[in-house]
Amino acid sequence: MFGEKDLKTGIDKYCDEFASEFHNEKNLKCWEAVRAVPPTPACLKSPKCCFEVGNTGPENEMQIIMAEMQMQGANTIACNLLTVQGFDGNMLQGH
């Protein structure tokens, strides 16, 4: 239909509204307007995200376990808060 003339209305200058409304730059402006960040894999580069357990001493492994417990606690609190506010917080629950 794009680029063709509509015989009923006589209009011949249709454009792709979907492409003009949902392009990358406009999406980023919407995320900015609601003060949110679109999900990206950038968080995987954080040293808090991934731990390697291997040839480390028991004190390092205990630190890793404690950090994981803190992250799990923060995740549980955040998910519960979302649930209380009417969202499905369980969708973001870490395991």
N, C-alpha and C. Protein backbone atom coordinates (compact mmCIF):
# COMPACT_ATOMS: atom_id res chain seq x y z
N MET A 1 0.82 -1.19 0.00
CA MET A 1 0.00 0.00 0.00
C MET A 1 0.86 1.26 0.00
N PHE A 2 2.06 1.18 0.55
CA PHE A 2 2.89 2.38 0.63
C PHE A 2 3.31 2.83 -0.75
N GLY A 3 3.11 4.10 -1.03
CA GLY A 3 3.52 4.66 -2.31
C GLY A 3 2.45 4.57 -3.38
N GLU A 4 1.36 3.88 -3.09
CA GLU A 4 0.30 3.77 -4.08
C GLU A 4 -0.79 4.79 -3.80
N LYS A 5 -1.64 5.02 -4.76
CA LYS A 5 -2.74 5.97 -4.60
C LYS A 5 -3.98 5.24 -4.11
N ASP A 6 -4.62 5.83 -3.08
CA ASP A 6 -5.87 5.28 -2.55
C ASP A 6 -7.01 5.77 -3.45
N LEU A 7 -7.72 4.84 -4.08
CA LEU A 7 -8.75 5.21 -5.03
C LEU A 7 -9.96 5.88 -4.35
N LYS A 8 -10.23 5.53 -3.10
CA LYS A 8 -11.37 6.13 -2.40
C LYS A 8 -11.11 7.57 -1.99
N THR A 9 -9.94 7.83 -1.43
CA THR A 9 -9.65 9.17 -0.90
C THR A 9 -8.86 10.04 -1.88
N GLY A 10 -8.18 9.42 -2.81
CA GLY A 10 -7.34 10.17 -3.74
C GLY A 10 -5.98 10.52 -3.17
N ILE A 11 -5.71 10.07 -1.94
CA ILE A 11 -4.43 10.36 -1.31
C ILE A 11 -3.38 9.42 -1.89
N ASP A 12 -2.24 9.98 -2.28
CA ASP A 12 -1.19 9.15 -2.87
C ASP A 12 0.14 9.25 -2.16
N LYS A 13 0.18 9.90 -1.02
CA LYS A 13 1.46 10.07 -0.31
C LYS A 13 1.41 9.40 1.05
N TYR A 14 1.23 8.10 1.08
CA TYR A 14 1.26 7.36 2.34
C TYR A 14 2.70 7.09 2.73
N CYS A 15 2.95 7.04 4.04
CA CYS A 15 4.28 6.71 4.51
C CYS A 15 4.17 5.58 5.53
N ASP A 16 5.29 4.97 5.82
CA ASP A 16 5.34 3.87 6.78
C ASP A 16 5.34 4.47 8.19
N GLU A 17 4.17 4.59 8.80
CA GLU A 17 4.04 5.19 10.13
C GLU A 17 4.78 4.37 11.19
N PHE A 18 4.76 3.07 11.08
CA PHE A 18 5.43 2.23 12.06
C PHE A 18 6.93 2.56 12.10
N ALA A 19 7.54 2.62 10.93
CA ALA A 19 8.98 2.91 10.86
C ALA A 19 9.29 4.31 11.37
N SER A 20 8.38 5.26 11.12
CA SER A 20 8.67 6.62 11.56
C SER A 20 8.45 6.80 13.06
N GLU A 21 7.63 5.98 13.69
CA GLU A 21 7.36 6.12 15.12
C GLU A 21 8.21 5.21 16.00
N PHE A 22 8.72 4.13 15.47
CA PHE A 22 9.43 3.16 16.30
C PHE A 22 10.89 2.99 15.89
N HIS A 23 11.52 4.04 15.44
CA HIS A 23 12.94 3.95 15.11
C HIS A 23 13.76 4.08 16.39
N ASN A 24 15.01 3.71 16.31
CA ASN A 24 15.88 3.59 17.48
C ASN A 24 15.99 4.90 18.27
N GLU A 25 16.18 6.01 17.60
CA GLU A 25 16.36 7.29 18.30
C GLU A 25 15.11 7.68 19.08
N LYS A 26 13.95 7.46 18.51
CA LYS A 26 12.71 7.80 19.21
C LYS A 26 12.48 6.87 20.41
N ASN A 27 12.83 5.61 20.26
CA ASN A 27 12.71 4.68 21.39
C ASN A 27 13.60 5.11 22.55
N LEU A 28 14.82 5.52 22.27
CA LEU A 28 15.72 5.97 23.33
C LEU A 28 15.19 7.22 24.03
N LYS A 29 14.57 8.12 23.29
CA LYS A 29 13.97 9.31 23.90
C LYS A 29 12.82 8.92 24.83
N CYS A 30 12.04 7.91 24.45
CA CYS A 30 10.95 7.44 25.32
C CYS A 30 11.51 6.85 26.61
N TRP A 31 12.56 6.03 26.49
CA TRP A 31 13.19 5.46 27.69
C TRP A 31 13.68 6.58 28.60
N GLU A 32 14.28 7.61 27.99
CA GLU A 32 14.80 8.73 28.77
C GLU A 32 13.67 9.49 29.46
N ALA A 33 12.53 9.62 28.80
CA ALA A 33 11.40 10.37 29.37
C ALA A 33 10.87 9.71 30.64
N VAL A 34 10.92 8.39 30.70
CA VAL A 34 10.41 7.69 31.89
C VAL A 34 11.54 7.34 32.86
N ARG A 35 12.72 7.87 32.58
CA ARG A 35 13.91 7.66 33.42
C ARG A 35 14.20 6.18 33.63
N ALA A 36 14.16 5.46 32.53
CA ALA A 36 14.47 4.03 32.56
C ALA A 36 15.59 3.77 31.57
N VAL A 37 16.15 2.60 31.66
CA VAL A 37 17.25 2.22 30.79
C VAL A 37 16.86 0.94 30.07
N PRO A 38 16.96 0.92 28.74
CA PRO A 38 16.64 -0.32 28.05
C PRO A 38 17.64 -1.41 28.42
N PRO A 39 17.18 -2.63 28.54
CA PRO A 39 18.09 -3.72 28.92
C PRO A 39 19.17 -3.95 27.86
N THR A 40 20.41 -4.03 28.30
CA THR A 40 21.53 -4.31 27.41
C THR A 40 22.44 -5.32 28.11
N PRO A 41 23.34 -5.95 27.38
CA PRO A 41 24.27 -6.87 28.01
C PRO A 41 25.43 -6.17 28.71
N ALA A 42 25.42 -4.84 28.79
CA ALA A 42 26.53 -4.10 29.39
C ALA A 42 26.77 -4.49 30.84
N CYS A 43 25.71 -4.84 31.56
CA CYS A 43 25.86 -5.19 32.97
C CYS A 43 26.70 -6.44 33.16
N LEU A 44 26.81 -7.26 32.13
CA LEU A 44 27.60 -8.49 32.25
C LEU A 44 29.10 -8.21 32.39
N LYS A 45 29.51 -6.99 32.06
CA LYS A 45 30.92 -6.62 32.18
C LYS A 45 31.28 -6.20 33.61
N SER A 46 30.28 -6.05 34.46
CA SER A 46 30.51 -5.63 35.83
C SER A 46 31.20 -6.74 36.62
N PRO A 47 32.18 -6.39 37.46
CA PRO A 47 32.82 -7.43 38.26
C PRO A 47 31.87 -8.04 39.29
N LYS A 48 30.74 -7.36 39.57
CA LYS A 48 29.76 -7.91 40.51
C LYS A 48 28.88 -8.98 39.86
N CYS A 49 28.93 -9.07 38.55
CA CYS A 49 28.03 -9.97 37.84
C CYS A 49 28.54 -11.41 37.78
N CYS A 50 29.80 -11.57 37.55
CA CYS A 50 30.32 -12.92 37.31
C CYS A 50 31.51 -13.18 38.22
N PHE A 51 31.46 -14.30 38.91
CA PHE A 51 32.56 -14.71 39.75
C PHE A 51 33.10 -16.03 39.24
N GLU A 52 34.39 -16.16 39.24
CA GLU A 52 35.00 -17.43 38.89
C GLU A 52 35.48 -18.08 40.17
N VAL A 53 34.98 -19.27 40.41
CA VAL A 53 35.40 -20.02 41.58
C VAL A 53 36.36 -21.09 41.09
N GLY A 54 37.52 -21.10 41.64
CA GLY A 54 38.50 -22.06 41.17
C GLY A 54 39.62 -22.21 42.16
N ASN A 55 40.81 -21.90 41.72
CA ASN A 55 41.99 -22.05 42.55
C ASN A 55 42.18 -20.84 43.46
N THR A 56 41.15 -20.49 44.19
CA THR A 56 41.26 -19.40 45.15
C THR A 56 41.22 -20.01 46.54
N GLY A 57 41.68 -19.24 47.47
CA GLY A 57 41.69 -19.72 48.85
C GLY A 57 40.28 -19.72 49.43
N PRO A 58 40.09 -20.40 50.56
CA PRO A 58 38.77 -20.46 51.17
C PRO A 58 38.23 -19.10 51.60
N GLU A 59 39.13 -18.15 51.94
CA GLU A 59 38.65 -16.83 52.33
C GLU A 59 38.03 -16.09 51.14
N ASN A 60 38.61 -16.27 49.94
CA ASN A 60 38.04 -15.65 48.75
C ASN A 60 36.70 -16.28 48.39
N GLU A 61 36.61 -17.58 48.54
CA GLU A 61 35.34 -18.25 48.24
C GLU A 61 34.26 -17.81 49.22
N MET A 62 34.60 -17.57 50.46
CA MET A 62 33.63 -17.10 51.44
C MET A 62 33.16 -15.69 51.07
N GLN A 63 34.08 -14.84 50.60
CA GLN A 63 33.70 -13.50 50.16
C GLN A 63 32.73 -13.58 48.99
N ILE A 64 32.99 -14.50 48.08
CA ILE A 64 32.11 -14.68 46.92
C ILE A 64 30.72 -15.13 47.37
N ILE A 65 30.67 -16.06 48.29
CA ILE A 65 29.39 -16.56 48.80
C ILE A 65 28.62 -15.43 49.48
N MET A 66 29.31 -14.62 50.28
CA MET A 66 28.66 -13.51 50.97
C MET A 66 28.14 -12.47 49.97
N ALA A 67 28.91 -12.18 48.94
CA ALA A 67 28.48 -11.23 47.92
C ALA A 67 27.25 -11.75 47.18
N GLU A 68 27.25 -13.04 46.88
CA GLU A 68 26.09 -13.63 46.20
C GLU A 68 24.85 -13.56 47.09
N MET A 69 25.02 -13.78 48.38
CA MET A 69 23.88 -13.71 49.30
C MET A 69 23.34 -12.28 49.38
N GLN A 70 24.23 -11.28 49.38
CA GLN A 70 23.80 -9.89 49.40
C GLN A 70 23.04 -9.54 48.13
N MET A 71 23.56 -9.97 46.97
CA MET A 71 22.89 -9.69 45.71
C MET A 71 21.52 -10.36 45.66
N GLN A 72 21.43 -11.61 46.15
CA GLN A 72 20.16 -12.31 46.16
C GLN A 72 19.16 -11.59 47.07
N GLY A 73 19.63 -11.10 48.21
CA GLY A 73 18.75 -10.36 49.12
C GLY A 73 18.23 -9.08 48.47
N ALA A 74 19.11 -8.36 47.79
CA ALA A 74 18.70 -7.13 47.10
C ALA A 74 17.71 -7.44 45.99
N ASN A 75 17.94 -8.53 45.27
CA ASN A 75 17.03 -8.94 44.21
C ASN A 75 15.65 -9.28 44.78
N THR A 76 15.62 -9.99 45.89
CA THR A 76 14.35 -10.37 46.51
C THR A 76 13.57 -9.14 46.95
N ILE A 77 14.27 -8.17 47.57
CA ILE A 77 13.61 -6.93 48.00
C ILE A 77 13.04 -6.18 46.80
N ALA A 78 13.83 -6.05 45.73
CA ALA A 78 13.38 -5.32 44.54
C ALA A 78 12.18 -6.01 43.90
N CYS A 79 12.22 -7.34 43.81
CA CYS A 79 11.10 -8.07 43.21
C CYS A 79 9.84 -7.95 44.06
N ASN A 80 9.99 -8.00 45.37
CA ASN A 80 8.84 -7.84 46.26
C ASN A 80 8.24 -6.44 46.12
N LEU A 81 9.09 -5.43 46.00
CA LEU A 81 8.62 -4.07 45.82
C LEU A 81 7.82 -3.94 44.52
N LEU A 82 8.32 -4.53 43.45
CA LEU A 82 7.60 -4.50 42.18
C LEU A 82 6.25 -5.19 42.31
N THR A 83 6.22 -6.32 43.01
CA THR A 83 4.98 -7.06 43.19
C THR A 83 3.96 -6.23 43.96
N VAL A 84 4.41 -5.56 45.02
CA VAL A 84 3.52 -4.73 45.82
C VAL A 84 2.95 -3.59 44.98
N GLN A 85 3.73 -3.10 44.03
CA GLN A 85 3.29 -1.99 43.18
C GLN A 85 2.43 -2.46 42.01
N GLY A 86 2.13 -3.76 41.95
CA GLY A 86 1.22 -4.26 40.93
C GLY A 86 1.89 -4.90 39.72
N PHE A 87 3.21 -5.01 39.73
CA PHE A 87 3.91 -5.64 38.62
C PHE A 87 4.17 -7.10 38.95
N ASP A 88 4.58 -7.86 37.96
CA ASP A 88 4.92 -9.27 38.19
C ASP A 88 6.40 -9.35 38.51
N GLY A 89 6.73 -9.03 39.77
CA GLY A 89 8.13 -9.02 40.20
C GLY A 89 8.80 -10.37 40.12
N ASN A 90 8.03 -11.44 40.15
CA ASN A 90 8.61 -12.79 40.08
C ASN A 90 9.32 -13.05 38.76
N MET A 91 8.98 -12.28 37.72
CA MET A 91 9.63 -12.45 36.42
C MET A 91 11.12 -12.09 36.49
N LEU A 92 11.50 -11.26 37.44
CA LEU A 92 12.89 -10.82 37.57
C LEU A 92 13.60 -11.47 38.74
N GLN A 93 12.95 -12.45 39.35
CA GLN A 93 13.54 -13.13 40.51
C GLN A 93 14.76 -13.93 40.11
N GLY A 94 15.87 -13.69 40.81
CA GLY A 94 17.09 -14.47 40.59
C GLY A 94 16.98 -15.80 41.29
N HIS A 95 17.70 -16.76 40.79
CA HIS A 95 17.63 -18.11 41.39
C HIS A 95 18.97 -18.52 41.93
